[in-house]
Structures are given as structure tokens and as C-alpha cells.
C-alpha atoms as a PDB file:
ATOM      1  CA  UNK A   1      94.105  19.440 -25.628  1.00  0.00           C
ATOM      2  CA  UNK A   2      97.585  17.896 -25.600  1.00  0.00           C
ATOM      3  CA  UNK A   3      98.814  20.751 -23.407  1.00  0.00           C
ATOM      4  CA  UNK A   4      96.028  20.089 -20.903  1.00  0.00           C
ATOM      5  CA  UNK A   5      96.875  16.366 -20.735  1.00  0.00           C
ATOM      6  CA  UNK A   6     100.591  17.095 -20.305  1.00  0.00           C
ATOM      7  CA  UNK A   7      99.832  19.671 -17.601  1.00  0.00           C
ATOM      8  CA  UNK A   8      97.526  17.270 -15.758  1.00  0.00           C
ATOM      9  CA  UNK A   9     100.137  14.498 -15.914  1.00  0.00           C
ATOM     10  CA  UNK A  10     102.800  16.870 -14.625  1.00  0.00           C
ATOM     11  CA  UNK A  11     100.599  17.923 -11.688  1.00  0.00           C
ATOM     12  CA  UNK A  12      99.860  14.299 -10.818  1.00  0.00           C
ATOM     13  CA  UNK A  13     103.560  13.440 -10.987  1.00  0.00           C
ATOM     14  CA  UNK A  14     104.493  16.362  -8.737  1.00  0.00           C
ATOM     15  CA  UNK A  15     101.726  15.408  -6.295  1.00  0.00           C
ATOM     16  CA  UNK A  16     103.001  11.830  -6.036  1.00  0.00           C
ATOM     17  CA  UNK A  17     106.581  13.027  -5.597  1.00  0.00           C
ATOM     18  CA  UNK A  18     105.469  15.440  -2.880  1.00  0.00           C
ATOM     19  CA  UNK A  19     103.759  12.592  -1.010  1.00  0.00           C
ATOM     20  CA  UNK A  20     106.967  10.570  -1.026  1.00  0.00           C
ATOM     21  CA  UNK A  21     109.028  13.583   0.045  1.00  0.00           C
ATOM     22  CA  UNK A  22     106.658  14.390   2.929  1.00  0.00           C
ATOM     23  CA  UNK A  23     106.518  10.789   4.191  1.00  0.00           C
ATOM     24  CA  UNK A  24     108.935  10.328   7.062  1.00  0.00           C
ATOM     25  CA  UNK A  25     111.189   7.279   6.858  1.00  0.00           C
ATOM     26  CA  UNK A  26     110.473   4.582   9.483  1.00  0.00           C
ATOM     27  CA  UNK A  27     112.294   5.065  12.757  1.00  0.00           C
ATOM     28  CA  UNK A  28     114.772   2.554  14.140  1.00  0.00           C
ATOM     29  CA  UNK A  29     112.152   1.568  16.730  1.00  0.00           C
ATOM     30  CA  UNK A  30     109.476   1.011  14.073  1.00  0.00           C
ATOM     31  CA  UNK A  31     111.817  -1.158  12.019  1.00  0.00           C
ATOM     32  CA  UNK A  32     112.801  -3.216  15.062  1.00  0.00           C
ATOM     33  CA  UNK A  33     109.168  -3.668  16.090  1.00  0.00           C
ATOM     34  CA  UNK A  34     108.020  -4.658  12.617  1.00  0.00           C
ATOM     35  CA  UNK A  35     110.863  -7.101  12.051  1.00  0.00           C
ATOM     36  CA  UNK A  36     110.815  -9.060  15.300  1.00  0.00           C
ATOM     37  CA  UNK A  37     108.506 -11.887  16.298  1.00  0.00           C
ATOM     38  CA  UNK A  38     110.663 -12.894  19.238  1.00  0.00           C
ATOM     39  CA  UNK A  39     108.639 -12.637  22.448  1.00  0.00           C
ATOM     40  CA  UNK A  40     111.675 -12.211  24.707  1.00  0.00           C
ATOM     41  CA  UNK A  41     112.918  -9.285  22.617  1.00  0.00           C
ATOM     42  CA  UNK A  42     109.489  -7.646  22.627  1.00  0.00           C
ATOM     43  CA  UNK A  43     109.201  -8.012  26.402  1.00  0.00           C
ATOM     44  CA  UNK A  44     112.599  -6.316  26.756  1.00  0.00           C
ATOM     45  CA  UNK A  45     111.404  -3.425  24.591  1.00  0.00           C
ATOM     46  CA  UNK A  46     108.248  -3.153  26.702  1.00  0.00           C
ATOM     47  CA  UNK A  47     110.299  -3.054  29.899  1.00  0.00           C
ATOM     48  CA  UNK A  48     112.465  -0.230  28.538  1.00  0.00           C
ATOM     49  CA  UNK A  49     109.386   1.707  27.419  1.00  0.00           C
ATOM     50  CA  UNK A  50     107.872   1.408  30.909  1.00  0.00           C
ATOM     51  CA  UNK A  51     111.042   2.661  32.579  1.00  0.00           C
ATOM     52  CA  UNK A  52     111.259   5.574  30.140  1.00  0.00           C
ATOM     53  CA  UNK A  53     107.511   6.250  30.531  1.00  0.00           C
ATOM     54  CA  UNK A  54     107.274   6.085  26.753  1.00  0.00           C
ATOM     55  CA  UNK A  55     103.577   5.206  26.703  1.00  0.00           C
ATOM     56  CA  UNK A  56     103.205   5.573  22.941  1.00  0.00           C
ATOM     57  CA  UNK A  57     105.882   2.983  22.170  1.00  0.00           C
ATOM     58  CA  UNK A  58     104.653   0.745  24.994  1.00  0.00           C
ATOM     59  CA  UNK A  59     101.225   0.594  23.382  1.00  0.00           C
ATOM     60  CA  UNK A  60     102.661  -0.397  20.008  1.00  0.00           C
ATOM     61  CA  UNK A  61     104.784  -3.094  21.637  1.00  0.00           C
ATOM     62  CA  UNK A  62     101.903  -4.540  23.650  1.00  0.00           C
ATOM     63  CA  UNK A  63      99.679  -4.588  20.567  1.00  0.00           C
ATOM     64  CA  UNK A  64     102.368  -6.590  18.763  1.00  0.00           C
ATOM     65  CA  UNK A  65     102.761  -8.981  21.721  1.00  0.00           C
ATOM     66  CA  UNK A  66      99.008  -9.615  21.939  1.00  0.00           C
ATOM     67  CA  UNK A  67      98.913 -10.125  18.173  1.00  0.00           C
ATOM     68  CA  UNK A  68     101.528 -12.872  18.574  1.00  0.00           C
ATOM     69  CA  UNK A  69     100.112 -14.354  21.811  1.00  0.00           C
ATOM     70  CA  UNK A  70      96.368 -13.566  21.766  1.00  0.00           C
ATOM     71  CA  UNK A  71      95.345 -16.171  24.359  1.00  0.00           C
ATOM     72  CA  UNK A  72      97.641 -15.131  27.225  1.00  0.00           C
ATOM     73  CA  UNK A  73      95.571 -13.077  29.651  1.00  0.00           C
ATOM     74  CA  UNK A  74      98.372 -11.181  31.372  1.00  0.00           C
ATOM     75  CA  UNK A  75      99.480  -9.679  28.050  1.00  0.00           C
ATOM     76  CA  UNK A  76      95.941  -8.468  27.355  1.00  0.00           C
ATOM     77  CA  UNK A  77      95.864  -6.945  30.833  1.00  0.00           C
ATOM     78  CA  UNK A  78      99.121  -5.101  30.134  1.00  0.00           C
ATOM     79  CA  UNK A  79      97.647  -3.956  26.823  1.00  0.00           C
ATOM     80  CA  UNK A  80      94.651  -2.529  28.716  1.00  0.00           C
ATOM     81  CA  UNK A  81      97.097  -0.654  30.956  1.00  0.00           C
ATOM     82  CA  UNK A  82      98.895   0.706  27.885  1.00  0.00           C
ATOM     83  CA  UNK A  83      95.602   1.905  26.389  1.00  0.00           C
ATOM     84  CA  UNK A  84      94.772   3.648  29.668  1.00  0.00           C
ATOM     85  CA  UNK A  85      98.198   5.297  29.851  1.00  0.00           C
ATOM     86  CA  UNK A  86      97.582   6.668  26.353  1.00  0.00           C
ATOM     87  CA  UNK A  87      94.124   7.870  27.427  1.00  0.00           C
ATOM     88  CA  UNK A  88      92.437   5.527  24.950  1.00  0.00           C
ATOM     89  CA  UNK A  89      89.461   4.860  27.197  1.00  0.00           C
ATOM     90  CA  UNK A  90      87.340   2.894  24.736  1.00  0.00           C
ATOM     91  CA  UNK A  91      89.994   0.290  23.977  1.00  0.00           C
ATOM     92  CA  UNK A  92      91.054   0.116  27.633  1.00  0.00           C
ATOM     93  CA  UNK A  93      87.489  -0.626  28.759  1.00  0.00           C
ATOM     94  CA  UNK A  94      86.832  -3.087  25.920  1.00  0.00           C
ATOM     95  CA  UNK A  95      90.017  -5.024  26.686  1.00  0.00           C
ATOM     96  CA  UNK A  96      89.179  -5.229  30.394  1.00  0.00           C
ATOM     97  CA  UNK A  97      85.666  -6.452  29.559  1.00  0.00           C
ATOM     98  CA  UNK A  98      87.157  -9.250  27.438  1.00  0.00           C
ATOM     99  CA  UNK A  99      89.295 -10.324  30.402  1.00  0.00           C
ATOM    100  CA  UNK A 100      86.294 -10.225  32.717  1.00  0.00           C
ATOM    101  CA  UNK A 101      84.225 -12.372  30.339  1.00  0.00           C
ATOM    102  CA  UNK A 102      87.048 -14.913  30.235  1.00  0.00           C
ATOM    103  CA  UNK A 103      86.698 -15.313  33.994  1.00  0.00           C
ATOM    104  CA  UNK A 104      90.156 -13.912  34.728  1.00  0.00           C
ATOM    105  CA  UNK A 105      91.058 -11.928  37.825  1.00  0.00           C
ATOM    106  CA  UNK A 106      93.491  -9.031  38.110  1.00  0.00           C
ATOM    107  CA  UNK A 107      93.782  -6.580  40.986  1.00  0.00           C
ATOM    108  CA  UNK A 108      92.907  -3.394  39.125  1.00  0.00           C
ATOM    109  CA  UNK A 109      93.079  -1.303  42.294  1.00  0.00           C
ATOM    110  CA  UNK A 110      96.769  -2.135  42.690  1.00  0.00           C
ATOM    111  CA  UNK A 111      97.685  -0.608  39.327  1.00  0.00           C
ATOM    112  CA  UNK A 112      98.365   3.122  38.992  1.00  0.00           C
ATOM    113  CA  UNK A 113      98.249   2.748  35.219  1.00  0.00           C
ATOM    114  CA  UNK A 114      94.455   3.057  35.159  1.00  0.00           C
ATOM    115  CA  UNK A 115      94.458   6.592  36.600  1.00  0.00           C
ATOM    116  CA  UNK A 116      93.079   8.016  33.340  1.00  0.00           C
ATOM    117  CA  UNK A 117      90.006   5.777  33.419  1.00  0.00           C
ATOM    118  CA  UNK A 118      89.321   4.814  37.047  1.00  0.00           C
ATOM    119  CA  UNK A 119      87.040   7.795  37.740  1.00  0.00           C
ATOM    120  CA  UNK A 120      84.384   6.621  35.284  1.00  0.00           C
ATOM    121  CA  UNK A 121      81.329   4.575  36.378  1.00  0.00           C
ATOM    122  CA  UNK A 122      82.017   1.951  33.708  1.00  0.00           C
ATOM    123  CA  UNK A 123      85.412   1.299  35.320  1.00  0.00           C
ATOM    124  CA  UNK A 124      83.708   0.618  38.662  1.00  0.00           C
ATOM    125  CA  UNK A 125      81.307  -1.791  36.951  1.00  0.00           C
ATOM    126  CA  UNK A 126      84.139  -3.665  35.223  1.00  0.00           C
ATOM    127  CA  UNK A 127      86.233  -3.775  38.400  1.00  0.00           C
ATOM    128  CA  UNK A 128      83.312  -5.152  40.409  1.00  0.00           C
ATOM    129  CA  UNK A 129      82.866  -8.015  37.954  1.00  0.00           C
ATOM    130  CA  UNK A 130      86.594  -8.749  37.680  1.00  0.00           C
ATOM    131  CA  UNK A 131      86.800  -8.810  41.489  1.00  0.00           C
ATOM    132  CA  UNK A 132      83.940 -11.334  41.465  1.00  0.00           C
ATOM    133  CA  UNK A 133      86.088 -13.586  39.269  1.00  0.00           C
ATOM    134  CA  UNK A 134      88.658 -13.699  42.064  1.00  0.00           C
ATOM    135  CA  UNK A 135      86.296 -14.785  44.824  1.00  0.00           C
ATOM    136  CA  UNK A 136      86.788 -18.298  46.181  1.00  0.00           C
ATOM    137  CA  UNK A 137      84.021 -20.871  46.215  1.00  0.00           C
ATOM    138  CA  UNK A 138      83.635 -23.290  49.102  1.00  0.00           C
ATOM    139  CA  UNK A 139      86.201 -24.016  51.779  1.00  0.00           C
ATOM    140  CA  UNK A 140      89.178 -26.339  51.808  1.00  0.00           C
ATOM    141  CA  UNK A 141      89.833 -28.821  54.587  1.00  0.00           C
ATOM    142  CA  UNK A 142      93.166 -30.272  55.603  1.00  0.00           C
ATOM    143  CA  UNK A 143      93.609 -33.837  54.346  1.00  0.00           C
ATOM    144  CA  UNK A 144      97.036 -34.574  55.803  1.00  0.00           C
ATOM    145  CA  UNK A 145     100.335 -33.117  56.937  1.00  0.00           C
ATOM    146  CA  UNK A 146     103.818 -34.238  55.937  1.00  0.00           C
ATOM    147  CA  UNK A 147     106.454 -34.698  58.601  1.00  0.00           C
ATOM    148  CA  UNK A 148     109.402 -32.291  58.464  1.00  0.00           C
ATOM    149  CA  UNK A 149     111.709 -35.239  57.846  1.00  0.00           C
ATOM    150  CA  UNK A 150     110.370 -35.298  54.270  1.00  0.00           C
ATOM    151  CA  UNK A 151     111.077 -31.617  53.627  1.00  0.00           C
ATOM    152  CA  UNK A 152     113.175 -30.794  50.583  1.00  0.00           C
ATOM    153  CA  UNK A 153     111.961 -33.778  48.548  1.00  0.00           C
ATOM    154  CA  UNK A 154     109.906 -31.569  46.203  1.00  0.00           C
ATOM    155  CA  UNK A 155     106.668 -33.549  46.058  1.00  0.00           C
ATOM    156  CA  UNK A 156     104.992 -32.530  42.790  1.00  0.00           C
ATOM    157  CA  UNK A 157     102.620 -35.420  42.034  1.00  0.00           C
ATOM    158  CA  UNK A 158      99.600 -36.648  43.983  1.00  0.00           C
ATOM    159  CA  UNK A 159      97.278 -39.642  43.582  1.00  0.00           C
ATOM    160  CA  UNK A 160      94.753 -41.613  45.632  1.00  0.00           C
ATOM    161  CA  UNK A 161      94.905 -45.357  46.287  1.00  0.00           C
ATOM    162  CA  UNK A 162      91.335 -46.384  47.061  1.00  0.00           C
ATOM    163  CA  UNK A 163      92.427 -49.929  47.885  1.00  0.00           C
ATOM    164  CA  UNK A 164      94.277 -48.755  50.980  1.00  0.00           C
ATOM    165  CA  UNK A 165      92.430 -45.430  51.386  1.00  0.00           C
ATOM    166  CA  UNK A 166      95.749 -43.610  51.141  1.00  0.00           C
ATOM    167  CA  UNK A 167      97.298 -40.644  49.379  1.00  0.00           C
ATOM    168  CA  UNK A 168     100.433 -41.168  47.284  1.00  0.00           C
ATOM    169  CA  UNK A 169     102.993 -38.456  46.576  1.00  0.00           C
ATOM    170  CA  UNK A 170     105.955 -38.567  44.204  1.00  0.00           C
ATOM    171  CA  UNK A 171     109.255 -36.764  44.774  1.00  0.00           C
ATOM    172  CA  UNK A 172     111.212 -34.848  42.175  1.00  0.00           C
ATOM    173  CA  UNK A 173     114.313 -34.791  44.339  1.00  0.00           C
ATOM    174  CA  UNK A 174     114.895 -38.527  44.838  1.00  0.00           C
ATOM    175  CA  UNK A 175     112.128 -40.230  42.816  1.00  0.00           C
ATOM    176  CA  UNK A 176     110.542 -41.923  45.829  1.00  0.00           C
ATOM    177  CA  UNK A 177     106.785 -42.339  46.322  1.00  0.00           C
ATOM    178  CA  UNK A 178     105.426 -42.001  49.836  1.00  0.00           C
ATOM    179  CA  UNK A 179     102.116 -43.307  51.165  1.00  0.00           C
ATOM    180  CA  UNK A 180     100.002 -41.293  53.614  1.00  0.00           C
ATOM    181  CA  UNK A 181      97.378 -43.442  55.338  1.00  0.00           C
ATOM    182  CA  UNK A 182      94.092 -42.337  56.883  1.00  0.00           C
ATOM    183  CA  UNK A 183      95.592 -42.210  60.361  1.00  0.00           C
ATOM    184  CA  UNK A 184      98.402 -39.932  59.113  1.00  0.00           C
ATOM    185  CA  UNK A 185     101.037 -42.642  59.143  1.00  0.00           C
ATOM    186  CA  UNK A 186     103.608 -42.108  56.385  1.00  0.00           C
ATOM    187  CA  UNK A 187     105.620 -44.883  54.782  1.00  0.00           C
ATOM    188  CA  UNK A 188     107.835 -45.118  51.708  1.00  0.00           C
ATOM    189  CA  UNK A 189     106.055 -47.156  49.042  1.00  0.00           C
ATOM    190  CA  UNK A 190     108.644 -46.760  46.269  1.00  0.00           C
ATOM    191  CA  UNK A 191     112.237 -46.337  47.384  1.00  0.00           C
ATOM    192  CA  UNK A 192     114.457 -43.520  46.165  1.00  0.00           C
ATOM    193  CA  UNK A 193     115.372 -43.967  42.505  1.00  0.00           C
ATOM    194  CA  UNK A 194     118.790 -45.193  41.413  1.00  0.00           C
ATOM    195  CA  UNK A 195     119.063 -42.831  38.468  1.00  0.00           C
ATOM    196  CA  UNK A 196     121.643 -43.641  35.802  1.00  0.00           C
ATOM    197  CA  UNK A 197     120.740 -44.306  32.191  1.00  0.00           C
ATOM    198  CA  UNK A 198     118.192 -46.995  33.094  1.00  0.00           C
ATOM    199  CA  UNK A 199     116.194 -44.942  35.592  1.00  0.00           C
ATOM    200  CA  UNK A 200     113.906 -44.375  37.265  1.00  0.00           C
ATOM    201  CA  UNK A 201     114.556 -40.720  38.022  1.00  0.00           C
ATOM    202  CA  UNK A 202     112.379 -37.882  39.356  1.00  0.00           C
ATOM    203  CA  UNK A 203     108.706 -38.787  39.859  1.00  0.00           C
ATOM    204  CA  UNK A 204     106.776 -36.392  37.601  1.00  0.00           C
ATOM    205  CA  UNK A 205     103.250 -37.841  37.644  1.00  0.00           C
ATOM    206  CA  UNK A 206     101.358 -40.787  39.132  1.00  0.00           C
ATOM    207  CA  UNK A 207      98.456 -42.902  37.864  1.00  0.00           C
ATOM    208  CA  UNK A 208      96.774 -45.569  39.999  1.00  0.00           C
ATOM    209  CA  UNK A 209      95.101 -48.731  38.680  1.00  0.00           C
ATOM    210  CA  UNK A 210      93.540 -50.313  41.782  1.00  0.00           C
ATOM    211  CA  UNK A 211      91.800 -53.056  39.797  1.00  0.00           C
ATOM    212  CA  UNK A 212      95.119 -54.429  38.541  1.00  0.00           C
ATOM    213  CA  UNK A 213      97.163 -53.497  41.635  1.00  0.00           C
ATOM    214  CA  UNK A 214      99.355 -51.219  39.515  1.00  0.00           C
ATOM    215  CA  UNK A 215     101.028 -47.862  40.062  1.00  0.00           C
ATOM    216  CA  UNK A 216     102.306 -46.018  36.997  1.00  0.00           C
ATOM    217  CA  UNK A 217     105.024 -43.408  37.482  1.00  0.00           C
ATOM    218  CA  UNK A 218     106.115 -40.924  34.821  1.00  0.00           C
ATOM    219  CA  UNK A 219     109.782 -40.221  35.437  1.00  0.00           C
ATOM    220  CA  UNK A 220     112.448 -37.953  33.952  1.00  0.00           C
ATOM    221  CA  UNK A 221     116.100 -37.092  34.584  1.00  0.00           C
ATOM    222  CA  UNK A 222     115.661 -33.386  35.233  1.00  0.00           C
ATOM    223  CA  UNK A 223     117.860 -30.893  37.056  1.00  0.00           C
ATOM    224  CA  UNK A 224     115.824 -31.164  40.284  1.00  0.00           C
ATOM    225  CA  UNK A 225     116.631 -34.877  40.530  1.00  0.00           C
ATOM    226  CA  UNK A 226     119.522 -35.304  42.943  1.00  0.00           C
ATOM    227  CA  UNK A 227     121.312 -38.049  40.994  1.00  0.00           C
ATOM    228  CA  UNK A 228     121.088 -36.567  37.519  1.00  0.00           C
ATOM    229  CA  UNK A 229     124.346 -36.614  35.569  1.00  0.00           C
ATOM    230  CA  UNK A 230     125.640 -36.004  32.068  1.00  0.00           C
ATOM    231  CA  UNK A 231     124.814 -39.540  30.927  1.00  0.00           C
ATOM    232  CA  UNK A 232     121.211 -39.534  32.171  1.00  0.00           C
ATOM    233  CA  UNK A 233     120.180 -35.898  31.716  1.00  0.00           C
ATOM    234  CA  UNK A 234     117.176 -35.552  29.420  1.00  0.00           C
ATOM    235  CA  UNK A 235     116.033 -39.179  29.636  1.00  0.00           C
ATOM    236  CA  UNK A 236     112.431 -40.062  30.508  1.00  0.00           C
ATOM    237  CA  UNK A 237     110.122 -43.035  30.734  1.00  0.00           C
ATOM    238  CA  UNK A 238     107.129 -44.771  32.290  1.00  0.00           C
ATOM    239  CA  UNK A 239     107.700 -47.161  35.190  1.00  0.00           C
ATOM    240  CA  UNK A 240     105.226 -49.817  36.322  1.00  0.00           C
ATOM    241  CA  UNK A 241     105.058 -50.807  40.004  1.00  0.00           C
ATOM    242  CA  UNK A 242     102.963 -53.185  42.079  1.00  0.00           C
ATOM    243  CA  UNK A 243     100.623 -50.839  43.924  1.00  0.00           C
ATOM    244  CA  UNK A 244     100.388 -52.878  47.107  1.00  0.00           C
ATOM    245  CA  UNK A 245     104.136 -53.384  47.580  1.00  0.00           C
ATOM    246  CA  UNK A 246     105.962 -50.754  45.499  1.00  0.00           C
ATOM    247  CA  UNK A 247     107.926 -53.424  43.625  1.00  0.00           C
ATOM    248  CA  UNK A 248     109.189 -52.334  40.190  1.00  0.00           C
ATOM    249  CA  UNK A 249     107.611 -54.566  37.543  1.00  0.00           C
ATOM    250  CA  UNK A 250     108.602 -53.042  34.219  1.00  0.00           C
ATOM    251  CA  UNK A 251     110.039 -49.936  32.600  1.00  0.00           C
ATOM    252  CA  UNK A 252     109.220 -48.267  29.297  1.00  0.00           C
ATOM    253  CA  UNK A 253     111.900 -45.740  28.431  1.00  0.00           C
ATOM    254  CA  UNK A 254     111.536 -43.159  25.714  1.00  0.00           C
ATOM    255  CA  UNK A 255     114.222 -43.606  23.031  1.00  0.00           C
ATOM    256  CA  UNK A 256     117.589 -42.183  24.037  1.00  0.00           C
ATOM    257  CA  UNK A 257     118.028 -40.597  20.617  1.00  0.00           C
ATOM    258  CA  UNK A 258     114.893 -38.529  21.296  1.00  0.00           C
ATOM    259  CA  UNK A 259     116.371 -36.754  24.313  1.00  0.00           C
ATOM    260  CA  UNK A 260     115.756 -34.367  25.882  1.00  0.00           C
ATOM    261  CA  UNK A 261     112.428 -35.930  26.828  1.00  0.00           C
ATOM    262  CA  UNK A 262     109.937 -34.984  29.500  1.00  0.00           C
ATOM    263  CA  UNK A 263     106.560 -36.471  30.420  1.00  0.00           C
ATOM    264  CA  UNK A 264     104.320 -33.762  31.834  1.00  0.00           C
ATOM    265  CA  UNK A 265     101.051 -35.605  32.439  1.00  0.00           C
ATOM    266  CA  UNK A 266      99.484 -39.082  32.366  1.00  0.00           C
ATOM    267  CA  UNK A 267      95.922 -40.395  32.192  1.00  0.00           C
ATOM    268  CA  UNK A 268      94.794 -43.988  32.706  1.00  0.00           C
ATOM    269  CA  UNK A 269      91.495 -44.905  31.048  1.00  0.00           C
ATOM    270  CA  UNK A 270      88.973 -47.296  32.561  1.00  0.00           C
ATOM    271  CA  UNK A 271      89.926 -49.659  29.737  1.00  0.00           C
ATOM    272  CA  UNK A 272      93.509 -49.800  31.025  1.00  0.00           C
ATOM    273  CA  UNK A 273      95.188 -47.700  28.323  1.00  0.00           C
ATOM    274  CA  UNK A 274      97.752 -45.163  29.516  1.00  0.00           C
ATOM    275  CA  UNK A 275      98.021 -41.853  27.655  1.00  0.00           C
ATOM    276  CA  UNK A 276     100.747 -39.329  28.375  1.00  0.00           C
ATOM    277  CA  UNK A 277     102.296 -36.139  27.028  1.00  0.00           C
ATOM    278  CA  UNK A 278     105.873 -35.822  25.836  1.00  0.00           C
ATOM    279  CA  UNK A 279     105.904 -32.068  26.261  1.00  0.00           C
ATOM    280  CA  UNK A 280     109.349 -31.185  24.876  1.00  0.00           C
ATOM    281  CA  UNK A 281     108.693 -33.050  21.630  1.00  0.00           C
ATOM    282  CA  UNK A 282     105.066 -31.911  21.670  1.00  0.00           C
ATOM    283  CA  UNK A 283     103.574 -35.384  21.292  1.00  0.00           C
ATOM    284  CA  UNK A 284     100.804 -37.463  22.841  1.00  0.00           C
ATOM    285  CA  UNK A 285     101.885 -41.048  23.430  1.00  0.00           C
ATOM    286  CA  UNK A 286     100.063 -44.223  24.416  1.00  0.00           C
ATOM    287  CA  UNK A 287     100.904 -47.398  26.257  1.00  0.00           C
ATOM    288  CA  UNK A 288      97.977 -49.645  25.394  1.00  0.00           C
ATOM    289  CA  UNK A 289      96.793 -52.253  27.870  1.00  0.00           C
ATOM    290  CA  UNK A 290      99.162 -55.249  27.789  1.00  0.00           C
ATOM    291  CA  UNK A 291     101.297 -53.542  25.111  1.00  0.00           C
ATOM    292  CA  UNK A 292     105.059 -53.968  25.129  1.00  0.00           C
ATOM    293  CA  UNK A 293     105.888 -50.699  23.396  1.00  0.00           C
ATOM    294  CA  UNK A 294     104.903 -47.046  23.505  1.00  0.00           C
ATOM    295  CA  UNK A 295     103.063 -45.765  20.419  1.00  0.00           C
ATOM    296  CA  UNK A 296     102.500 -42.284  19.002  1.00  0.00           C
ATOM    297  CA  UNK A 297      98.932 -40.954  19.110  1.00  0.00           C
ATOM    298  CA  UNK A 298      99.465 -37.540  17.558  1.00  0.00           C
ATOM    299  CA  UNK A 299     101.677 -34.503  17.345  1.00  0.00           C
ATOM    300  CA  UNK A 300     100.770 -30.914  16.536  1.00  0.00           C
ATOM    301  CA  UNK A 301     102.566 -27.852  15.226  1.00  0.00           C
ATOM    302  CA  UNK A 302      99.693 -25.616  16.299  1.00  0.00           C
ATOM    303  CA  UNK A 303      99.559 -26.689  19.949  1.00  0.00           C
ATOM    304  CA  UNK A 304     103.074 -26.308  21.275  1.00  0.00           C
ATOM    305  CA  UNK A 305     102.514 -26.069  25.040  1.00  0.00           C
ATOM    306  CA  UNK A 306     100.677 -29.284  25.865  1.00  0.00           C
ATOM    307  CA  UNK A 307     100.109 -29.615  29.605  1.00  0.00           C
ATOM    308  CA  UNK A 308      97.473 -32.087  30.802  1.00  0.00           C
ATOM    309  CA  UNK A 309      95.493 -34.925  29.299  1.00  0.00           C
ATOM    310  CA  UNK A 310      92.309 -36.882  29.985  1.00  0.00           C
ATOM    311  CA  UNK A 311      89.659 -38.839  28.047  1.00  0.00           C
ATOM    312  CA  UNK A 312      85.933 -39.390  28.047  1.00  0.00           C
ATOM    313  CA  UNK A 313      84.430 -42.469  29.724  1.00  0.00           C
ATOM    314  CA  UNK A 314      84.872 -44.581  26.604  1.00  0.00           C
ATOM    315  CA  UNK A 315      88.559 -43.758  26.317  1.00  0.00           C
ATOM    316  CA  UNK A 316      88.043 -42.922  22.648  1.00  0.00           C
ATOM    317  CA  UNK A 317      88.030 -39.120  22.870  1.00  0.00           C
ATOM    318  CA  UNK A 318      91.120 -37.297  24.119  1.00  0.00           C
ATOM    319  CA  UNK A 319      91.122 -33.908  25.821  1.00  0.00           C
ATOM    320  CA  UNK A 320      94.456 -32.105  25.954  1.00  0.00           C
ATOM    321  CA  UNK A 321      95.135 -28.680  27.474  1.00  0.00           C
ATOM    322  CA  UNK A 322      97.519 -26.134  26.016  1.00  0.00           C
ATOM    323  CA  UNK A 323      98.800 -23.441  28.372  1.00  0.00           C
ATOM    324  CA  UNK A 324      99.235 -20.902  25.584  1.00  0.00           C
ATOM    325  CA  UNK A 325      96.050 -21.524  23.629  1.00  0.00           C
ATOM    326  CA  UNK A 326      93.978 -21.513  26.807  1.00  0.00           C
END
């Protein structure tokens, strides 16, 4: 009996050793892929794999990228291409269906990477529905034109002044705010910014309060601002103007020791509270009606790409978009 037990143990030991001997050590590529969570590095690896037509490695890389960034549609689309290149039809179709259900549009016909799957009826069905996602609804009409004399000012913000029935546009280049009236006449409401450490600087966003004759301008000393310098770079703040005249009434600068700062979006509630996003620091801030100081509303480690903000009618519920989370 003892001999049988010893023999069985020996066989088991040899079997385990054989498994270890037969197992290939991880390749340099596998180690690099497993050990990195850096998106830029993974995108470089994917680019190399595409050039080398190494479809097997490309698939592994894209699976890792989508694992890290599951809400970014273009990565899922590239994963679908990688599945198709590896002739994995089921996963290619399933991934494309997910994109279609999300309402996203990609020009499948322009990609040669779907050659392994584009002869199947299910591909035609998916393509038809994805193409439908890209169709426009309604028709746009021209509201106004800007004279060529304003070219180069990089107008990035737009608001409506119902008091004067005019459009307002803010410039990144010089921080000015122009007014476009119903008849097409254009005037400068807020003169070009002085810059310096006190601001204002580039006009990032506008919020209009017609009831209180107030224009709020989110401003930041960014590289596109013509007067940015070493002393002012990275500063940001909220600037309050008289809507009817463009006169600067008050400024609320973000603390200098918090630079670099950038305000990406503002929202004015019907109650008169101003909410805005400090995108670099990943915070939502508030300038309450009649308040003298900016206060913190919340910050989040989960949502790291805050973009736009609004509230419900009561002003009590905030809605914030995140470009990565979708």
C-alpha cells in the first residue's frame, strides 16, 4: 500500500513539474502590456501593431485600452476593427451593435478592416442602423455673420441678451466681448482685456442675467490669450459686468496658489446663483447670489473630465457632464 501511495505521489509530482516545464515564459510584449496602465503608451503600442499588421497583438492592446477606458466610443470602434481583423466575427458584430445602441456614428464603409465580416447580412443590418445615427435632423438657418475685421479673435463662447435681442460672443485672443444686434450691427461691449495678474484674460464662457443687468464672464490666462505672460499664466476667475454698458463691476479670482486654474463652463440659475467648473482641479464651484466669495460645491476622484454644468428649475439639483464617462 505504501508503495502505491509513493508511486502516486511521484506521478503527481512529475505531472506538476511537466506542466511548469511546458509553460512558456511570458513574452516581453505580454509583460509590457500587463504592467502598463498608461493610455499614451498603449496607443503607441497599438500604432506599431497596426503598422506591422500584427493583428493578434493589436487585439490584445485594444482590449486593454477598452478595459481602462470603457466609455470612449472610438476605442470600442477600434476594438471592433481588431476583432474583425482577427476574424472574430461574433465579438466584432456584438461590439458594433453596442456602438449602434449608444447612438454613435462611424463610417464603416470607409474602413478596410471589416473585410472579414462585411459580406454577411448582419453587417449590412448593423451598418444601416449606424448610418441612421449619423443622419441630421432639421435644418439650420444663418443667425448672423461676423465681419472679417474680427477674424483671428478666436470666439469660443456665445450667449443671448434678450434685453437687447442681441448675440454676445467672447474672444479667447483678446478677452473682448462683442455684441451682434438683430440688424447685423456689431459693436464691442467689453473692451479687450488688460491681462496681468489681476485679469481679466481670455473669455472662456458667458452667462447673462437680464433681470439684474449683469454679464458674467469666465476668464483664464491661457496660451491663446495674446497678453499672457509668466506672471499671469494659469490664473483664472469670474468677472462681473454691467450687461447694458459692458462696465466691469467686480472680479472674483481663483486663488493664485491654486494655479494652474481653468473654468470650462458656467451656469446661472433662475435664483441668481452661479455654478462653474474648475476643470484642472476637477471641482464644481459656486458664487451664490450676493456672495462675496467663491465656495466649493464638490470634487470627485471618479469624474476627472468635467465639461459642462446645468441645474434643474429649482437650482437644487446639479447636472455635470464628464467627457470620459459619457
